[in-house]
Amino acid sequence: MVDSQNVEGYRPAPDFEEDRRSALLNLEMNDSTELWLIKLPFSTSSHQSRMEHMLSEIDGEELSFNLHSDGKLASFEDSSEKLYDFVSYPSQEPDEMVFVPSPTEPKIAGKISRRVSIVHYPDPKELEERKIIARHAHQNSSGVTKTTSSRYFSTQISGRAGSSKGSRGVMFLFSLLTGIVV
């Protein structure tokens, strides 16, 4: 018989606090549900505000995704007529699990089905503005290196997973989840 007091295992740090918030969406996983890991690039504060603006505009909108295309899945144009592409490539196969917080205990929502990046190709005017900003930043820097960071959001997608024949569209209601990706 094993004495449970003498068994060692993982013990969280004393300052660890469990997230007891309820999920924003009720994830009912079935054969036609995909979880996507969406990568949003943030490199400058102005770019970050543009992406936050785009996310606020797309929240609650329905987009049609072509899941069997090579790379580009869909496009979205915001109110300022900036175009954003949703892209995914087979070489970016994910292997992360998503855990959704629960008041009682964390639940496994499922495995990430697809990595998707949101890409914005700037027009010439935006490139000129970025060049000016970069020039000022370079002149004002004192040997500081800038880095690019990313944020990840997992999103529920409805559609039939695993089918490889033909092309199909998927209606997608964009909502950000409260979830932990590991």
Protein backbone atom coordinates (compact mmCIF):
# COMPACT_ATOMS: atom_id res chain seq x y z
CA MET A 1 0.00 0.00 0.00
CA VAL A 2 1.35 3.45 -0.94
CA ASP A 3 1.28 6.25 1.64
CA SER A 4 -0.18 9.27 -0.23
CA GLN A 5 1.73 11.71 1.99
CA ASN A 6 5.08 10.30 0.83
CA VAL A 7 4.29 10.35 -2.92
CA GLU A 8 5.99 13.16 -4.77
CA GLY A 9 4.50 14.86 -7.80
CA TYR A 10 4.06 18.28 -9.32
CA ARG A 11 3.35 21.00 -6.80
CA PRO A 12 2.70 24.54 -8.07
CA ALA A 13 4.59 27.49 -6.61
CA PRO A 14 3.04 29.02 -3.46
CA ASP A 15 2.01 32.16 -5.39
CA PHE A 16 0.21 30.11 -8.11
CA GLU A 17 -3.42 31.16 -8.59
CA GLU A 18 -5.76 28.99 -10.61
CA ASP A 19 -7.81 30.80 -13.27
CA ARG A 20 -11.43 30.21 -12.27
CA ARG A 21 -13.06 32.41 -14.91
CA SER A 22 -15.68 30.77 -17.04
CA ALA A 23 -15.03 30.37 -20.76
CA LEU A 24 -16.35 33.00 -23.15
CA LEU A 25 -17.76 30.28 -25.40
CA ASN A 26 -19.24 26.91 -24.65
CA LEU A 27 -17.00 24.58 -26.63
CA GLU A 28 -18.99 21.57 -27.68
CA MET A 29 -16.35 19.58 -29.54
CA ASN A 30 -17.54 17.20 -32.25
CA ASP A 31 -16.21 15.84 -35.55
CA SER A 32 -16.92 19.10 -37.37
CA THR A 33 -15.19 21.44 -34.91
CA GLU A 34 -11.71 22.80 -35.48
CA LEU A 35 -9.68 24.89 -33.04
CA TRP A 36 -7.35 27.35 -34.72
CA LEU A 37 -4.31 29.07 -33.28
CA ILE A 38 -4.32 32.55 -34.81
CA LYS A 39 -1.05 34.49 -34.84
CA LEU A 40 -1.23 38.28 -34.81
CA PRO A 41 2.10 40.00 -35.44
CA PHE A 42 2.85 43.10 -33.38
CA SER A 43 6.04 44.96 -34.16
CA THR A 44 5.27 48.60 -33.36
CA SER A 45 2.70 50.37 -31.23
CA SER A 46 0.99 51.84 -34.32
CA HIS A 47 0.84 48.39 -35.94
CA GLN A 48 -0.54 46.95 -32.70
CA SER A 49 -3.33 49.54 -32.64
CA ARG A 50 -4.19 48.71 -36.28
CA MET A 51 -4.44 45.00 -35.42
CA GLU A 52 -6.55 45.74 -32.33
CA HIS A 53 -8.79 47.92 -34.52
CA MET A 54 -9.09 45.11 -37.08
CA LEU A 55 -9.93 42.60 -34.32
CA SER A 56 -12.63 44.86 -32.90
CA GLU A 57 -14.15 45.21 -36.39
CA ILE A 58 -14.07 41.50 -37.14
CA ASP A 59 -15.49 40.47 -33.75
CA GLY A 60 -18.91 38.93 -34.34
CA GLU A 61 -18.61 39.04 -38.15
CA GLU A 62 -19.03 35.96 -40.30
CA LEU A 63 -16.26 35.12 -42.76
CA SER A 64 -16.21 32.40 -45.35
CA PHE A 65 -12.98 30.37 -45.33
CA ASN A 66 -11.76 28.14 -48.15
CA LEU A 67 -10.01 25.41 -46.15
CA HIS A 68 -8.53 23.59 -49.14
CA SER A 69 -6.79 26.51 -50.74
CA ASP A 70 -3.03 26.71 -50.85
CA GLY A 71 -2.15 29.21 -48.17
CA LYS A 72 -4.73 32.00 -48.32
CA LEU A 73 -7.93 30.98 -46.51
CA ALA A 74 -9.85 34.26 -46.54
CA SER A 75 -9.59 38.04 -46.63
CA PHE A 76 -11.15 40.78 -44.54
CA GLU A 77 -11.37 44.48 -45.37
CA ASP A 78 -11.80 46.86 -42.43
CA SER A 79 -13.67 50.18 -42.42
CA SER A 80 -10.50 52.06 -43.44
CA GLU A 81 -10.25 49.76 -46.50
CA LYS A 82 -7.15 47.93 -45.25
CA LEU A 83 -7.08 44.34 -46.43
CA TYR A 84 -6.06 41.47 -44.13
CA ASP A 85 -5.44 37.91 -45.30
CA PHE A 86 -5.85 34.77 -43.21
CA VAL A 87 -3.11 32.36 -44.30
CA SER A 88 -2.16 28.83 -43.27
CA TYR A 89 0.31 26.35 -44.70
CA PRO A 90 0.52 22.56 -44.23
CA SER A 91 4.12 22.93 -43.02
CA GLN A 92 2.79 24.76 -39.94
CA GLU A 93 1.07 21.67 -38.49
CA PRO A 94 0.30 22.42 -34.82
CA ASP A 95 0.50 19.98 -31.92
CA GLU A 96 -0.78 22.16 -29.05
CA MET A 97 -3.71 21.34 -26.76
CA VAL A 98 -6.20 23.97 -25.59
CA PHE A 99 -7.39 24.00 -21.98
CA VAL A 100 -10.43 26.09 -21.10
CA PRO A 101 -10.70 27.39 -17.53
CA SER A 102 -13.66 26.25 -15.51
CA PRO A 103 -14.90 27.15 -12.01
CA THR A 104 -14.40 23.53 -10.92
CA GLU A 105 -11.42 22.31 -12.95
CA PRO A 106 -9.73 23.10 -16.29
CA LYS A 107 -11.20 21.21 -19.24
CA ILE A 108 -9.41 20.03 -22.35
CA ALA A 109 -11.10 21.80 -25.25
CA GLY A 110 -9.17 19.88 -27.87
CA LYS A 111 -6.12 19.92 -30.05
CA ILE A 112 -5.28 22.87 -32.30
CA SER A 113 -6.28 21.87 -35.85
CA ARG A 114 -4.59 24.62 -37.81
CA ARG A 115 -2.16 27.54 -37.37
CA VAL A 116 -3.43 30.69 -39.05
CA SER A 117 -1.59 33.98 -39.45
CA ILE A 118 -3.31 37.28 -40.14
CA VAL A 119 -1.26 39.20 -42.69
CA HIS A 120 -1.60 42.79 -43.87
CA TYR A 121 0.32 43.87 -46.96
CA PRO A 122 0.88 47.63 -46.62
CA ASP A 123 0.22 50.02 -49.47
CA PRO A 124 3.02 52.40 -50.65
CA LYS A 125 1.80 55.25 -48.40
CA GLU A 126 1.99 53.00 -45.32
CA LEU A 127 5.49 51.88 -46.30
CA GLU A 128 6.63 55.48 -46.56
CA GLU A 129 5.15 56.23 -43.10
CA ARG A 130 6.91 53.18 -41.65
CA LYS A 131 10.19 54.25 -43.23
CA ILE A 132 9.92 57.68 -41.57
CA ILE A 133 9.04 56.13 -38.19
CA ALA A 134 11.92 53.65 -38.49
CA ARG A 135 14.34 56.45 -39.38
CA HIS A 136 13.28 58.45 -36.29
CA ALA A 137 13.49 55.36 -34.08
CA HIS A 138 16.97 54.57 -35.41
CA GLN A 139 18.15 58.14 -34.81
CA ASN A 140 16.74 58.12 -31.27
CA SER A 141 18.00 54.67 -30.30
CA SER A 142 21.14 54.18 -28.29
CA GLY A 143 22.09 50.66 -29.26
CA VAL A 144 18.72 49.18 -28.27
CA THR A 145 17.59 46.28 -30.43
CA LYS A 146 13.94 46.09 -31.41
CA THR A 147 12.25 42.70 -31.50
CA THR A 148 9.01 41.44 -32.92
CA SER A 149 6.53 39.74 -30.63
CA SER A 150 3.33 37.87 -31.35
CA ARG A 151 0.04 37.15 -29.65
CA TYR A 152 -1.84 33.94 -30.08
CA PHE A 153 -5.58 33.48 -29.87
CA SER A 154 -7.39 30.23 -30.23
CA THR A 155 -10.65 30.37 -32.12
CA GLN A 156 -13.45 27.91 -32.69
CA ILE A 157 -14.15 27.09 -36.33
CA SER A 158 -17.13 25.11 -37.55
CA GLY A 159 -16.61 22.83 -40.51
CA ARG A 160 -15.79 19.24 -41.33
CA ALA A 161 -12.25 18.44 -40.26
CA GLY A 162 -10.14 15.93 -42.09
CA SER A 163 -11.78 16.04 -45.51
CA SER A 164 -9.28 16.40 -48.33
CA LYS A 165 -11.49 16.29 -51.42
CA GLY A 166 -12.50 19.42 -53.27
CA SER A 167 -12.90 22.89 -51.88
CA ARG A 168 -15.34 23.88 -49.20
CA GLY A 169 -16.26 27.12 -47.56
CA VAL A 170 -16.76 27.44 -43.83
CA MET A 171 -18.75 30.14 -42.12
CA PHE A 172 -16.72 31.45 -39.22
CA LEU A 173 -18.00 33.52 -36.30
CA PHE A 174 -14.91 35.24 -34.91
CA SER A 175 -14.71 35.29 -31.13
CA LEU A 176 -11.69 35.29 -28.86
CA LEU A 177 -11.60 32.53 -26.26
CA THR A 178 -10.24 32.48 -22.79
CA GLY A 179 -7.94 29.50 -23.04
CA ILE A 180 -4.50 28.23 -22.29
CA VAL A 181 -2.47 26.74 -25.12
CA VAL A 182 0.25 24.22 -24.26
